[in-house]
Amino acid sequence: MPPGGKNNWQKIFGSRWFLVVLLVVAIFVAVAYGRAYYRDYQVRQEISRLQNEVKKLEAKKIETMEILQYVKSSNFIEDKARTELNMIKPGEKVVVVASGSGVKTNEAVKKVDYNPVLPKPV
């Protein structure tokens, strides 16, 4: 190695251009790290939001499945037959209450013998 080689390296590392280049590289690395950190933060927030959404959808799915089970049950069929089709079970008596003011209690209740049969559950 020539005797002046060591001196050349000292000139390069000690020069202002080297410091400027080193400063530019350090700023570039810091900006790249900051952008990567911010992107990581955004991804974590998105993951958290999606996990919350999954929990809500799972709860909604469970609720929907419970409603489906009820709709498939014979209790639902019986309730619908009673409320919408005005049907009764065999042996039950129907009581009709008239709603009007000035009607005495004894006169307001009318017994009806009504015996349609509920449909069989599917």
PDB file of N, CA and C in Angstrom:
ATOM      1  N   MET A   1       0.855  -1.153   0.000  1.00  0.00           N
ATOM      2  CA  MET A   1       0.000   0.000   0.000  1.00  0.00           C
ATOM      3  C   MET A   1       0.914   1.233   0.000  1.00  0.00           C
ATOM      4  N   PRO A   2       0.622   2.176  -0.869  1.00  0.00           N
ATOM      5  CA  PRO A   2       1.470   3.363  -0.922  1.00  0.00           C
ATOM      6  C   PRO A   2       1.323   4.185   0.346  1.00  0.00           C
ATOM      7  N   PRO A   3       2.336   4.880   0.717  1.00  0.00           N
ATOM      8  CA  PRO A   3       2.299   5.637   1.968  1.00  0.00           C
ATOM      9  C   PRO A   3       1.242   6.746   1.948  1.00  0.00           C
ATOM     10  N   GLY A   4       0.826   7.207   0.820  1.00  0.00           N
ATOM     11  CA  GLY A   4      -0.171   8.272   0.758  1.00  0.00           C
ATOM     12  C   GLY A   4      -1.594   7.745   0.784  1.00  0.00           C
ATOM     13  N   GLY A   5      -1.839   6.434   0.765  1.00  0.00           N
ATOM     14  CA  GLY A   5      -3.170   5.833   0.723  1.00  0.00           C
ATOM     15  C   GLY A   5      -3.956   6.092   1.993  1.00  0.00           C
ATOM     16  N   LYS A   6      -3.312   6.034   3.111  1.00  0.00           N
ATOM     17  CA  LYS A   6      -3.981   6.268   4.384  1.00  0.00           C
ATOM     18  C   LYS A   6      -4.428   7.722   4.475  1.00  0.00           C
ATOM     19  N   ASN A   7      -3.637   8.557   3.960  1.00  0.00           N
ATOM     20  CA  ASN A   7      -3.944   9.977   3.979  1.00  0.00           C
ATOM     21  C   ASN A   7      -5.156  10.287   3.087  1.00  0.00           C
ATOM     22  N   ASN A   8      -5.300   9.576   1.985  1.00  0.00           N
ATOM     23  CA  ASN A   8      -6.456   9.773   1.104  1.00  0.00           C
ATOM     24  C   ASN A   8      -7.763   9.405   1.803  1.00  0.00           C
ATOM     25  N   TRP A   9      -7.763   8.318   2.536  1.00  0.00           N
ATOM     26  CA  TRP A   9      -8.965   7.904   3.260  1.00  0.00           C
ATOM     27  C   TRP A   9      -9.319   8.934   4.335  1.00  0.00           C
ATOM     28  N   GLN A  10      -8.341   9.462   4.981  1.00  0.00           N
ATOM     29  CA  GLN A  10      -8.605  10.483   5.992  1.00  0.00           C
ATOM     30  C   GLN A  10      -9.208  11.736   5.346  1.00  0.00           C
ATOM     31  N   LYS A  11      -8.734  12.060   4.155  1.00  0.00           N
ATOM     32  CA  LYS A  11      -9.283  13.218   3.450  1.00  0.00           C
ATOM     33  C   LYS A  11     -10.746  12.959   3.076  1.00  0.00           C
ATOM     34  N   ILE A  12     -11.051  11.734   2.622  1.00  0.00           N
ATOM     35  CA  ILE A  12     -12.425  11.405   2.213  1.00  0.00           C
ATOM     36  C   ILE A  12     -13.358  11.442   3.421  1.00  0.00           C
ATOM     37  N   PHE A  13     -12.983  10.749   4.514  1.00  0.00           N
ATOM     38  CA  PHE A  13     -13.859  10.687   5.688  1.00  0.00           C
ATOM     39  C   PHE A  13     -13.931  12.014   6.425  1.00  0.00           C
ATOM     40  N   GLY A  14     -12.968  12.832   6.286  1.00  0.00           N
ATOM     41  CA  GLY A  14     -12.949  14.125   6.963  1.00  0.00           C
ATOM     42  C   GLY A  14     -13.531  15.250   6.134  1.00  0.00           C
ATOM     43  N   SER A  15     -13.882  14.997   4.905  1.00  0.00           N
ATOM     44  CA  SER A  15     -14.372  16.070   4.050  1.00  0.00           C
ATOM     45  C   SER A  15     -15.837  16.394   4.338  1.00  0.00           C
ATOM     46  N   ARG A  16     -16.231  17.592   3.929  1.00  0.00           N
ATOM     47  CA  ARG A  16     -17.612  18.018   4.122  1.00  0.00           C
ATOM     48  C   ARG A  16     -18.553  17.258   3.196  1.00  0.00           C
ATOM     49  N   TRP A  17     -18.120  16.889   2.021  1.00  0.00           N
ATOM     50  CA  TRP A  17     -18.963  16.129   1.088  1.00  0.00           C
ATOM     51  C   TRP A  17     -19.348  14.778   1.667  1.00  0.00           C
ATOM     52  N   PHE A  18     -18.412  14.156   2.335  1.00  0.00           N
ATOM     53  CA  PHE A  18     -18.710  12.866   2.970  1.00  0.00           C
ATOM     54  C   PHE A  18     -19.789  13.059   4.037  1.00  0.00           C
ATOM     55  N   LEU A  19     -19.674  14.119   4.834  1.00  0.00           N
ATOM     56  CA  LEU A  19     -20.674  14.383   5.861  1.00  0.00           C
ATOM     57  C   LEU A  19     -22.046  14.687   5.248  1.00  0.00           C
ATOM     58  N   VAL A  20     -22.063  15.415   4.126  1.00  0.00           N
ATOM     59  CA  VAL A  20     -23.325  15.728   3.454  1.00  0.00           C
ATOM     60  C   VAL A  20     -23.960  14.448   2.918  1.00  0.00           C
ATOM     61  N   VAL A  21     -23.163  13.615   2.275  1.00  0.00           N
ATOM     62  CA  VAL A  21     -23.675  12.345   1.742  1.00  0.00           C
ATOM     63  C   VAL A  21     -24.169  11.460   2.884  1.00  0.00           C
ATOM     64  N   LEU A  22     -23.398  11.408   3.958  1.00  0.00           N
ATOM     65  CA  LEU A  22     -23.783  10.602   5.116  1.00  0.00           C
ATOM     66  C   LEU A  22     -25.088  11.137   5.725  1.00  0.00           C
ATOM     67  N   LEU A  23     -25.236  12.448   5.798  1.00  0.00           N
ATOM     68  CA  LEU A  23     -26.449  13.050   6.326  1.00  0.00           C
ATOM     69  C   LEU A  23     -27.653  12.742   5.423  1.00  0.00           C
ATOM     70  N   VAL A  24     -27.467  12.820   4.112  1.00  0.00           N
ATOM     71  CA  VAL A  24     -28.550  12.506   3.165  1.00  0.00           C
ATOM     72  C   VAL A  24     -28.967  11.041   3.308  1.00  0.00           C
ATOM     73  N   VAL A  25     -28.009  10.161   3.412  1.00  0.00           N
ATOM     74  CA  VAL A  25     -28.317   8.728   3.579  1.00  0.00           C
ATOM     75  C   VAL A  25     -29.046   8.496   4.899  1.00  0.00           C
ATOM     76  N   ALA A  26     -28.610   9.154   5.977  1.00  0.00           N
ATOM     77  CA  ALA A  26     -29.261   8.990   7.282  1.00  0.00           C
ATOM     78  C   ALA A  26     -30.697   9.503   7.230  1.00  0.00           C
ATOM     79  N   ILE A  27     -30.912  10.642   6.562  1.00  0.00           N
ATOM     80  CA  ILE A  27     -32.270  11.170   6.433  1.00  0.00           C
ATOM     81  C   ILE A  27     -33.124  10.215   5.609  1.00  0.00           C
ATOM     82  N   PHE A  28     -32.588   9.681   4.531  1.00  0.00           N
ATOM     83  CA  PHE A  28     -33.321   8.727   3.700  1.00  0.00           C
ATOM     84  C   PHE A  28     -33.725   7.490   4.508  1.00  0.00           C
ATOM     85  N   VAL A  29     -32.807   6.961   5.300  1.00  0.00           N
ATOM     86  CA  VAL A  29     -33.089   5.768   6.115  1.00  0.00           C
ATOM     87  C   VAL A  29     -34.149   6.102   7.171  1.00  0.00           C
ATOM     88  N   ALA A  30     -34.043   7.279   7.798  1.00  0.00           N
ATOM     89  CA  ALA A  30     -35.018   7.664   8.827  1.00  0.00           C
ATOM     90  C   ALA A  30     -36.406   7.828   8.222  1.00  0.00           C
ATOM     91  N   VAL A  31     -36.505   8.447   7.047  1.00  0.00           N
ATOM     92  CA  VAL A  31     -37.803   8.624   6.388  1.00  0.00           C
ATOM     93  C   VAL A  31     -38.379   7.268   5.989  1.00  0.00           C
ATOM     94  N   ALA A  32     -37.550   6.391   5.461  1.00  0.00           N
ATOM     95  CA  ALA A  32     -38.020   5.057   5.072  1.00  0.00           C
ATOM     96  C   ALA A  32     -38.518   4.287   6.289  1.00  0.00           C
ATOM     97  N   TYR A  33     -37.794   4.386   7.403  1.00  0.00           N
ATOM     98  CA  TYR A  33     -38.209   3.711   8.635  1.00  0.00           C
ATOM     99  C   TYR A  33     -39.524   4.304   9.139  1.00  0.00           C
ATOM    100  N   GLY A  34     -39.660   5.618   9.108  1.00  0.00           N
ATOM    101  CA  GLY A  34     -40.895   6.275   9.546  1.00  0.00           C
ATOM    102  C   GLY A  34     -42.085   5.857   8.705  1.00  0.00           C
ATOM    103  N   ARG A  35     -41.902   5.797   7.400  1.00  0.00           N
ATOM    104  CA  ARG A  35     -42.990   5.369   6.512  1.00  0.00           C
ATOM    105  C   ARG A  35     -43.376   3.919   6.787  1.00  0.00           C
ATOM    106  N   ALA A  36     -42.389   3.060   6.981  1.00  0.00           N
ATOM    107  CA  ALA A  36     -42.668   1.650   7.261  1.00  0.00           C
ATOM    108  C   ALA A  36     -43.397   1.503   8.602  1.00  0.00           C
ATOM    109  N   TYR A  37     -42.964   2.280   9.600  1.00  0.00           N
ATOM    110  CA  TYR A  37     -43.612   2.221  10.916  1.00  0.00           C
ATOM    111  C   TYR A  37     -45.059   2.697  10.810  1.00  0.00           C
ATOM    112  N   TYR A  38     -45.311   3.788  10.084  1.00  0.00           N
ATOM    113  CA  TYR A  38     -46.668   4.311   9.916  1.00  0.00           C
ATOM    114  C   TYR A  38     -47.541   3.306   9.164  1.00  0.00           C
ATOM    115  N   ARG A  39     -47.002   2.674   8.153  1.00  0.00           N
ATOM    116  CA  ARG A  39     -47.747   1.664   7.389  1.00  0.00           C
ATOM    117  C   ARG A  39     -48.091   0.468   8.282  1.00  0.00           C
ATOM    118  N   ASP A  40     -47.147   0.070   9.120  1.00  0.00           N
ATOM    119  CA  ASP A  40     -47.389  -1.020  10.060  1.00  0.00           C
ATOM    120  C   ASP A  40     -48.515  -0.641  11.028  1.00  0.00           C
ATOM    121  N   TYR A  41     -48.509   0.601  11.488  1.00  0.00           N
ATOM    122  CA  TYR A  41     -49.559   1.095  12.378  1.00  0.00           C
ATOM    123  C   TYR A  41     -50.922   1.032  11.679  1.00  0.00           C
ATOM    124  N   GLN A  42     -50.978   1.462  10.431  1.00  0.00           N
ATOM    125  CA  GLN A  42     -52.234   1.424   9.679  1.00  0.00           C
ATOM    126  C   GLN A  42     -52.727  -0.010   9.503  1.00  0.00           C
ATOM    127  N   VAL A  43     -51.829  -0.920   9.216  1.00  0.00           N
ATOM    128  CA  VAL A  43     -52.213  -2.327   9.026  1.00  0.00           C
ATOM    129  C   VAL A  43     -52.744  -2.903  10.335  1.00  0.00           C
ATOM    130  N   ARG A  44     -52.120  -2.574  11.451  1.00  0.00           N
ATOM    131  CA  ARG A  44     -52.604  -3.063  12.752  1.00  0.00           C
ATOM    132  C   ARG A  44     -53.994  -2.513  13.058  1.00  0.00           C
ATOM    133  N   GLN A  45     -54.220  -1.248  12.739  1.00  0.00           N
ATOM    134  CA  GLN A  45     -55.539  -0.658  12.959  1.00  0.00           C
ATOM    135  C   GLN A  45     -56.586  -1.352  12.085  1.00  0.00           C
ATOM    136  N   GLU A  46     -56.240  -1.632  10.851  1.00  0.00           N
ATOM    137  CA  GLU A  46     -57.156  -2.315   9.936  1.00  0.00           C
ATOM    138  C   GLU A  46     -57.461  -3.731  10.431  1.00  0.00           C
ATOM    139  N   ILE A  47     -56.452  -4.422  10.922  1.00  0.00           N
ATOM    140  CA  ILE A  47     -56.651  -5.772  11.470  1.00  0.00           C
ATOM    141  C   ILE A  47     -57.593  -5.713  12.661  1.00  0.00           C
ATOM    142  N   SER A  48     -57.388  -4.748  13.542  1.00  0.00           N
ATOM    143  CA  SER A  48     -58.247  -4.598  14.714  1.00  0.00           C
ATOM    144  C   SER A  48     -59.689  -4.311  14.293  1.00  0.00           C
ATOM    145  N   ARG A  49     -59.875  -3.425  13.324  1.00  0.00           N
ATOM    146  CA  ARG A  49     -61.217  -3.097  12.846  1.00  0.00           C
ATOM    147  C   ARG A  49     -61.891  -4.332  12.237  1.00  0.00           C
ATOM    148  N   LEU A  50     -61.139  -5.089  11.444  1.00  0.00           N
ATOM    149  CA  LEU A  50     -61.705  -6.277  10.810  1.00  0.00           C
ATOM    150  C   LEU A  50     -62.042  -7.358  11.837  1.00  0.00           C
ATOM    151  N   GLN A  51     -61.220  -7.485  12.885  1.00  0.00           N
ATOM    152  CA  GLN A  51     -61.523  -8.460  13.928  1.00  0.00           C
ATOM    153  C   GLN A  51     -62.812  -8.087  14.655  1.00  0.00           C
ATOM    154  N   ASN A  52     -63.005  -6.799  14.915  1.00  0.00           N
ATOM    155  CA  ASN A  52     -64.261  -6.358  15.540  1.00  0.00           C
ATOM    156  C   ASN A  52     -65.443  -6.641  14.631  1.00  0.00           C
ATOM    157  N   GLU A  53     -65.267  -6.414  13.350  1.00  0.00           N
ATOM    158  CA  GLU A  53     -66.339  -6.682  12.390  1.00  0.00           C
ATOM    159  C   GLU A  53     -66.661  -8.172  12.336  1.00  0.00           C
ATOM    160  N   VAL A  54     -65.631  -9.008  12.413  1.00  0.00           N
ATOM    161  CA  VAL A  54     -65.847 -10.464  12.415  1.00  0.00           C
ATOM    162  C   VAL A  54     -66.654 -10.872  13.644  1.00  0.00           C
ATOM    163  N   LYS A  55     -66.325 -10.288  14.804  1.00  0.00           N
ATOM    164  CA  LYS A  55     -67.071 -10.618  16.024  1.00  0.00           C
ATOM    165  C   LYS A  55     -68.534 -10.225  15.885  1.00  0.00           C
ATOM    166  N   LYS A  56     -68.791  -9.038  15.321  1.00  0.00           N
ATOM    167  CA  LYS A  56     -70.175  -8.594  15.136  1.00  0.00           C
ATOM    168  C   LYS A  56     -70.917  -9.512  14.164  1.00  0.00           C
ATOM    169  N   LEU A  57     -70.246  -9.900  13.080  1.00  0.00           N
ATOM    170  CA  LEU A  57     -70.891 -10.776  12.101  1.00  0.00           C
ATOM    171  C   LEU A  57     -71.144 -12.164  12.669  1.00  0.00           C
ATOM    172  N   GLU A  58     -70.228 -12.653  13.509  1.00  0.00           N
ATOM    173  CA  GLU A  58     -70.447 -13.961  14.135  1.00  0.00           C
ATOM    174  C   GLU A  58     -71.642 -13.902  15.080  1.00  0.00           C
ATOM    175  N   ALA A  59     -71.771 -12.808  15.831  1.00  0.00           N
ATOM    176  CA  ALA A  59     -72.917 -12.655  16.728  1.00  0.00           C
ATOM    177  C   ALA A  59     -74.211 -12.591  15.917  1.00  0.00           C
ATOM    178  N   LYS A  60     -74.171 -11.874  14.803  1.00  0.00           N
ATOM    179  CA  LYS A  60     -75.357 -11.776  13.949  1.00  0.00           C
ATOM    180  C   LYS A  60     -75.693 -13.138  13.347  1.00  0.00           C
ATOM    181  N   LYS A  61     -74.680 -13.898  12.984  1.00  0.00           N
ATOM    182  CA  LYS A  61     -74.902 -15.236  12.423  1.00  0.00           C
ATOM    183  C   LYS A  61     -75.557 -16.143  13.460  1.00  0.00           C
ATOM    184  N   ILE A  62     -75.066 -16.083  14.692  1.00  0.00           N
ATOM    185  CA  ILE A  62     -75.645 -16.907  15.754  1.00  0.00           C
ATOM    186  C   ILE A  62     -77.099 -16.513  15.985  1.00  0.00           C
ATOM    187  N   GLU A  63     -77.369 -15.204  16.001  1.00  0.00           N
ATOM    188  CA  GLU A  63     -78.740 -14.731  16.186  1.00  0.00           C
ATOM    189  C   GLU A  63     -79.632 -15.203  15.038  1.00  0.00           C
ATOM    190  N   THR A  64     -79.120 -15.129  13.824  1.00  0.00           N
ATOM    191  CA  THR A  64     -79.890 -15.572  12.666  1.00  0.00           C
ATOM    192  C   THR A  64     -80.152 -17.080  12.723  1.00  0.00           C
ATOM    193  N   MET A  65     -79.164 -17.835  13.154  1.00  0.00           N
ATOM    194  CA  MET A  65     -79.350 -19.283  13.270  1.00  0.00           C
ATOM    195  C   MET A  65     -80.406 -19.613  14.334  1.00  0.00           C
ATOM    196  N   GLU A  66     -80.414 -18.845  15.431  1.00  0.00           N
ATOM    197  CA  GLU A  66     -81.430 -19.070  16.461  1.00  0.00           C
ATOM    198  C   GLU A  66     -82.821 -18.760  15.919  1.00  0.00           C
ATOM    199  N   ILE A  67     -82.921 -17.685  15.152  1.00  0.00           N
ATOM    200  CA  ILE A  67     -84.217 -17.334  14.552  1.00  0.00           C
ATOM    201  C   ILE A  67     -84.648 -18.431  13.584  1.00  0.00           C
ATOM    202  N   LEU A  68     -83.712 -18.943  12.798  1.00  0.00           N
ATOM    203  CA  LEU A  68     -84.024 -20.024  11.855  1.00  0.00           C
ATOM    204  C   LEU A  68     -84.505 -21.270  12.593  1.00  0.00           C
ATOM    205  N   GLN A  69     -83.849 -21.605  13.696  1.00  0.00           N
ATOM    206  CA  GLN A  69     -84.270 -22.773  14.473  1.00  0.00           C
ATOM    207  C   GLN A  69     -85.691 -22.570  15.004  1.00  0.00           C
ATOM    208  N   TYR A  70     -85.988 -21.341  15.458  1.00  0.00           N
ATOM    209  CA  TYR A  70     -87.339 -21.065  15.964  1.00  0.00           C
ATOM    210  C   TYR A  70     -88.368 -21.153  14.842  1.00  0.00           C
ATOM    211  N   VAL A  71     -88.027 -20.627  13.677  1.00  0.00           N
ATOM    212  CA  VAL A  71     -88.968 -20.659  12.554  1.00  0.00           C
ATOM    213  C   VAL A  71     -89.237 -22.098  12.127  1.00  0.00           C
ATOM    214  N   LYS A  72     -88.260 -22.964  12.248  1.00  0.00           N
ATOM    215  CA  LYS A  72     -88.442 -24.363  11.876  1.00  0.00           C
ATOM    216  C   LYS A  72     -89.200 -25.156  12.949  1.00  0.00           C
ATOM    217  N   SER A  73     -89.353 -24.604  14.144  1.00  0.00           N
ATOM    218  CA  SER A  73     -89.957 -25.349  15.254  1.00  0.00           C
ATOM    219  C   SER A  73     -91.472 -25.365  15.148  1.00  0.00           C
ATOM    220  N   SER A  74     -92.063 -26.309  15.864  1.00  0.00           N
ATOM    221  CA  SER A  74     -93.526 -26.413  15.881  1.00  0.00           C
ATOM    222  C   SER A  74     -94.144 -25.266  16.683  1.00  0.00           C
ATOM    223  N   ASN A  75     -93.414 -24.688  17.614  1.00  0.00           N
ATOM    224  CA  ASN A  75     -93.930 -23.541  18.378  1.00  0.00           C
ATOM    225  C   ASN A  75     -94.220 -22.366  17.448  1.00  0.00           C
ATOM    226  N   PHE A  76     -93.349 -22.136  16.492  1.00  0.00           N
ATOM    227  CA  PHE A  76     -93.544 -21.039  15.545  1.00  0.00           C
ATOM    228  C   PHE A  76     -94.780 -21.297  14.697  1.00  0.00           C
ATOM    229  N   ILE A  77     -94.914 -22.526  14.229  1.00  0.00           N
ATOM    230  CA  ILE A  77     -96.072 -22.886  13.396  1.00  0.00           C
ATOM    231  C   ILE A  77     -97.358 -22.703  14.201  1.00  0.00           C
ATOM    232  N   GLU A  78     -97.342 -23.133  15.447  1.00  0.00           N
ATOM    233  CA  GLU A  78     -98.518 -22.986  16.301  1.00  0.00           C
ATOM    234  C   GLU A  78     -98.835 -21.507  16.540  1.00  0.00           C
ATOM    235  N   ASP A  79     -97.821 -20.706  16.825  1.00  0.00           N
ATOM    236  CA  ASP A  79     -98.050 -19.266  17.053  1.00  0.00           C
ATOM    237  C   ASP A  79     -98.620 -18.594  15.813  1.00  0.00           C
ATOM    238  N   LYS A  80     -98.083 -18.908  14.664  1.00  0.00           N
ATOM    239  CA  LYS A  80     -98.584 -18.313  13.426  1.00  0.00           C
ATOM    240  C   LYS A  80    -100.019 -18.765  13.141  1.00  0.00           C
ATOM    241  N   ALA A  81    -100.306 -20.036  13.378  1.00  0.00           N
ATOM    242  CA  ALA A  81    -101.656 -20.539  13.150  1.00  0.00           C
ATOM    243  C   ALA A  81    -102.646 -19.851  14.079  1.00  0.00           C
ATOM    244  N   ARG A  82    -102.243 -19.615  15.312  1.00  0.00           N
ATOM    245  CA  ARG A  82    -103.137 -18.970  16.272  1.00  0.00           C
ATOM    246  C   ARG A  82    -103.343 -17.494  15.935  1.00  0.00           C
ATOM    247  N   THR A  83    -102.254 -16.781  15.614  1.00  0.00           N
ATOM    248  CA  THR A  83    -102.372 -15.326  15.431  1.00  0.00           C
ATOM    249  C   THR A  83    -102.859 -14.938  14.043  1.00  0.00           C
ATOM    250  N   GLU A  84    -102.380 -15.579  13.012  1.00  0.00           N
ATOM    251  CA  GLU A  84    -102.714 -15.158  11.655  1.00  0.00           C
ATOM    252  C   GLU A  84    -103.906 -15.910  11.064  1.00  0.00           C
ATOM    253  N   LEU A  85    -104.058 -17.168  11.428  1.00  0.00           N
ATOM    254  CA  LEU A  85    -105.151 -17.960  10.863  1.00  0.00           C
ATOM    255  C   LEU A  85    -106.306 -18.168  11.837  1.00  0.00           C
ATOM    256  N   ASN A  86    -106.171 -17.642  13.059  1.00  0.00           N
ATOM    257  CA  ASN A  86    -107.209 -17.757  14.097  1.00  0.00           C
ATOM    258  C   ASN A  86    -107.618 -19.205  14.335  1.00  0.00           C
ATOM    259  N   MET A  87    -106.652 -20.085  14.425  1.00  0.00           N
ATOM    260  CA  MET A  87    -106.928 -21.493  14.669  1.00  0.00           C
ATOM    261  C   MET A  87    -106.674 -21.802  16.141  1.00  0.00           C
ATOM    262  N   ILE A  88    -107.293 -22.894  16.605  1.00  0.00           N
ATOM    263  CA  ILE A  88    -107.108 -23.336  17.988  1.00  0.00           C
ATOM    264  C   ILE A  88    -106.804 -24.821  18.005  1.00  0.00           C
ATOM    265  N   LYS A  89    -106.336 -25.282  19.152  1.00  0.00           N
ATOM    266  CA  LYS A  89    -106.095 -26.714  19.323  1.00  0.00           C
ATOM    267  C   LYS A  89    -107.427 -27.396  19.623  1.00  0.00           C
ATOM    268  N   PRO A  90    -107.540 -28.678  19.302  1.00  0.00           N
ATOM    269  CA  PRO A  90    -108.779 -29.396  19.623  1.00  0.00           C
ATOM    270  C   PRO A  90    -109.041 -29.366  21.130  1.00  0.00           C
ATOM    271  N   GLY A  91    -110.268 -29.062  21.495  1.00  0.00           N
ATOM    272  CA  GLY A  91    -110.649 -29.043  22.907  1.00  0.00           C
ATOM    273  C   GLY A  91    -110.548 -27.663  23.539  1.00  0.00           C
ATOM    274  N   GLU A  92    -109.924 -26.709  22.883  1.00  0.00           N
ATOM    275  CA  GLU A  92    -109.830 -25.356  23.431  1.00  0.00           C
ATOM    276  C   GLU A  92    -111.116 -24.589  23.141  1.00  0.00           C
ATOM    277  N   LYS A  93    -111.421 -23.654  23.986  1.00  0.00           N
ATOM    278  CA  LYS A  93    -112.596 -22.796  23.814  1.00  0.00           C
ATOM    279  C   LYS A  93    -112.109 -21.388  23.474  1.00  0.00           C
ATOM    280  N   VAL A  94    -112.809 -20.726  22.577  1.00  0.00           N
ATOM    281  CA  VAL A  94    -112.469 -19.370  22.183  1.00  0.00           C
ATOM    282  C   VAL A  94    -113.359 -18.411  22.929  1.00  0.00           C
ATOM    283  N   VAL A  95    -112.758 -17.365  23.460  1.00  0.00           N
ATOM    284  CA  VAL A  95    -113.508 -16.326  24.148  1.00  0.00           C
ATOM    285  C   VAL A  95    -113.274 -15.038  23.384  1.00  0.00           C
ATOM    286  N   VAL A  96    -114.365 -14.393  22.927  1.00  0.00           N
ATOM    287  CA  VAL A  96    -114.267 -13.147  22.202  1.00  0.00           C
ATOM    288  C   VAL A  96    -114.677 -12.038  23.143  1.00  0.00           C
ATOM    289  N   VAL A  97    -113.809 -11.034  23.307  1.00  0.00           N
ATOM    290  CA  VAL A  97    -114.100  -9.911  24.184  1.00  0.00           C
ATOM    291  C   VAL A  97    -114.373  -8.707  23.303  1.00  0.00           C
ATOM    292  N   ALA A  98    -115.575  -8.167  23.408  1.00  0.00           N
ATOM    293  CA  ALA A  98    -115.933  -6.990  22.624  1.00  0.00           C
ATOM    294  C   ALA A  98    -115.319  -5.769  23.286  1.00  0.00           C
ATOM    295  N   SER A  99    -114.731  -4.915  22.502  1.00  0.00           N
ATOM    296  CA  SER A  99    -114.133  -3.717  23.073  1.00  0.00           C
ATOM    297  C   SER A  99    -115.008  -2.531  22.735  1.00  0.00           C
ATOM    298  N   GLY A 100    -115.666  -2.023  23.716  1.00  0.00           N
ATOM    299  CA  GLY A 100    -116.524  -0.868  23.525  1.00  0.00           C
ATOM    300  C   GLY A 100    -116.898  -0.313  24.880  1.00  0.00           C
ATOM    301  N   SER A 101    -117.082   0.961  24.953  1.00  0.00           N
ATOM    302  CA  SER A 101    -117.442   1.556  26.231  1.00  0.00           C
ATOM    303  C   SER A 101    -118.940   1.408  26.457  1.00  0.00           C
ATOM    304  N   GLY A 102    -119.321   1.299  27.689  1.00  0.00           N
ATOM    305  CA  GLY A 102    -120.726   1.200  28.034  1.00  0.00           C
ATOM    306  C   GLY A 102    -121.260  -0.221  27.983  1.00  0.00           C
ATOM    307  N   VAL A 103    -120.416  -1.196  27.701  1.00  0.00           N
ATOM    308  CA  VAL A 103    -120.864  -2.586  27.647  1.00  0.00           C
ATOM    309  C   VAL A 103    -120.575  -3.205  28.993  1.00  0.00           C
ATOM    310  N   LYS A 104    -121.542  -3.885  29.529  1.00  0.00           N
ATOM    311  CA  LYS A 104    -121.331  -4.531  30.817  1.00  0.00           C
ATOM    312  C   LYS A 104    -120.418  -5.735  30.640  1.00  0.00           C
ATOM    313  N   THR A 105    -119.734  -6.087  31.723  1.00  0.00           N
ATOM    314  CA  THR A 105    -118.770  -7.175  31.679  1.00  0.00           C
ATOM    315  C   THR A 105    -119.428  -8.493  31.315  1.00  0.00           C
ATOM    316  N   ASN A 106    -120.585  -8.785  31.839  1.00  0.00           N
ATOM    317  CA  ASN A 106    -121.265 -10.048  31.566  1.00  0.00           C
ATOM    318  C   ASN A 106    -121.692 -10.135  30.103  1.00  0.00           C
ATOM    319  N   GLU A 107    -122.037  -9.024  29.521  1.00  0.00           N
ATOM    320  CA  GLU A 107    -122.490  -9.025  28.142  1.00  0.00           C
ATOM    321  C   GLU A 107    -121.319  -8.980  27.160  1.00  0.00           C
ATOM    322  N   ALA A 108    -120.148  -8.533  27.637  1.00  0.00           N
ATOM    323  CA  ALA A 108    -119.011  -8.352  26.743  1.00  0.00           C
ATOM    324  C   ALA A 108    -118.344  -9.665  26.374  1.00  0.00           C
ATOM    325  N   VAL A 109    -118.492 -10.670  27.209  1.00  0.00           N
ATOM    326  CA  VAL A 109    -117.827 -11.941  26.962  1.00  0.00           C
ATOM    327  C   VAL A 109    -118.802 -12.866  26.257  1.00  0.00           C
ATOM    328  N   LYS A 110    -118.387 -13.361  25.121  1.00  0.00           N
ATOM    329  CA  LYS A 110    -119.240 -14.250  24.335  1.00  0.00           C
ATOM    330  C   LYS A 110    -118.436 -15.513  24.044  1.00  0.00           C
ATOM    331  N   LYS A 111    -118.959 -16.640  24.397  1.00  0.00           N
ATOM    332  CA  LYS A 111    -118.254 -17.894  24.161  1.00  0.00           C
ATOM    333  C   LYS A 111    -118.620 -18.413  22.786  1.00  0.00           C
ATOM    334  N   VAL A 112    -117.591 -18.850  22.067  1.00  0.00           N
ATOM    335  CA  VAL A 112    -117.803 -19.377  20.729  1.00  0.00           C
ATOM    336  C   VAL A 112    -117.210 -20.778  20.704  1.00  0.00           C
ATOM    337  N   ASP A 113    -117.931 -21.719  20.176  1.00  0.00           N
ATOM    338  CA  ASP A 113    -117.408 -23.078  20.036  1.00  0.00           C
ATOM    339  C   ASP A 113    -116.794 -23.181  18.646  1.00  0.00           C
ATOM    340  N   TYR A 114    -115.490 -23.131  18.593  1.00  0.00           N
ATOM    341  CA  TYR A 114    -114.749 -23.050  17.332  1.00  0.00           C
ATOM    342  C   TYR A 114    -113.683 -24.126  17.373  1.00  0.00           C
ATOM    343  N   ASN A 115    -113.714 -25.090  16.454  1.00  0.00           N
ATOM    344  CA  ASN A 115    -112.821 -26.225  16.561  1.00  0.00           C
ATOM    345  C   ASN A 115    -111.992 -26.519  15.311  1.00  0.00           C
ATOM    346  N   PRO A 116    -111.428 -25.548  14.607  1.00  0.00           N
ATOM    347  CA  PRO A 116    -110.510 -25.931  13.539  1.00  0.00           C
ATOM    348  C   PRO A 116    -109.224 -26.501  14.152  1.00  0.00           C
ATOM    349  N   VAL A 117    -108.599 -27.395  13.470  1.00  0.00           N
ATOM    350  CA  VAL A 117    -107.419 -28.075  13.973  1.00  0.00           C
ATOM    351  C   VAL A 117    -106.155 -27.391  13.429  1.00  0.00           C
ATOM    352  N   LEU A 118    -105.136 -27.299  14.285  1.00  0.00           N
ATOM    353  CA  LEU A 118    -103.861 -26.739  13.860  1.00  0.00           C
ATOM    354  C   LEU A 118    -103.206 -27.651  12.828  1.00  0.00           C
ATOM    355  N   PRO A 119    -102.476 -27.084  11.878  1.00  0.00           N
ATOM    356  CA  PRO A 119    -101.776 -27.928  10.912  1.00  0.00           C
ATOM    357  C   PRO A 119    -100.632 -28.669  11.608  1.00  0.00           C
ATOM    358  N   LYS A 120    -100.317 -29.831  11.067  1.00  0.00           N
ATOM    359  CA  LYS A 120     -99.237 -30.617  11.633  1.00  0.00           C
ATOM    360  C   LYS A 120     -97.897 -29.966  11.285  1.00  0.00           C
ATOM    361  N   PRO A 121     -96.951 -29.947  12.242  1.00  0.00           N
ATOM    362  CA  PRO A 121     -95.627 -29.361  11.942  1.00  0.00           C
ATOM    363  C   PRO A 121     -94.901 -30.165  10.876  1.00  0.00           C
ATOM    364  N   VAL A 122     -94.128 -29.473  10.110  1.00  0.00           N
ATOM    365  CA  VAL A 122     -93.390 -30.102   9.007  1.00  0.00           C
ATOM    366  C   VAL A 122     -92.129 -30.729   9.512  1.00  0.00           C
TER     367      VAL A 122
END
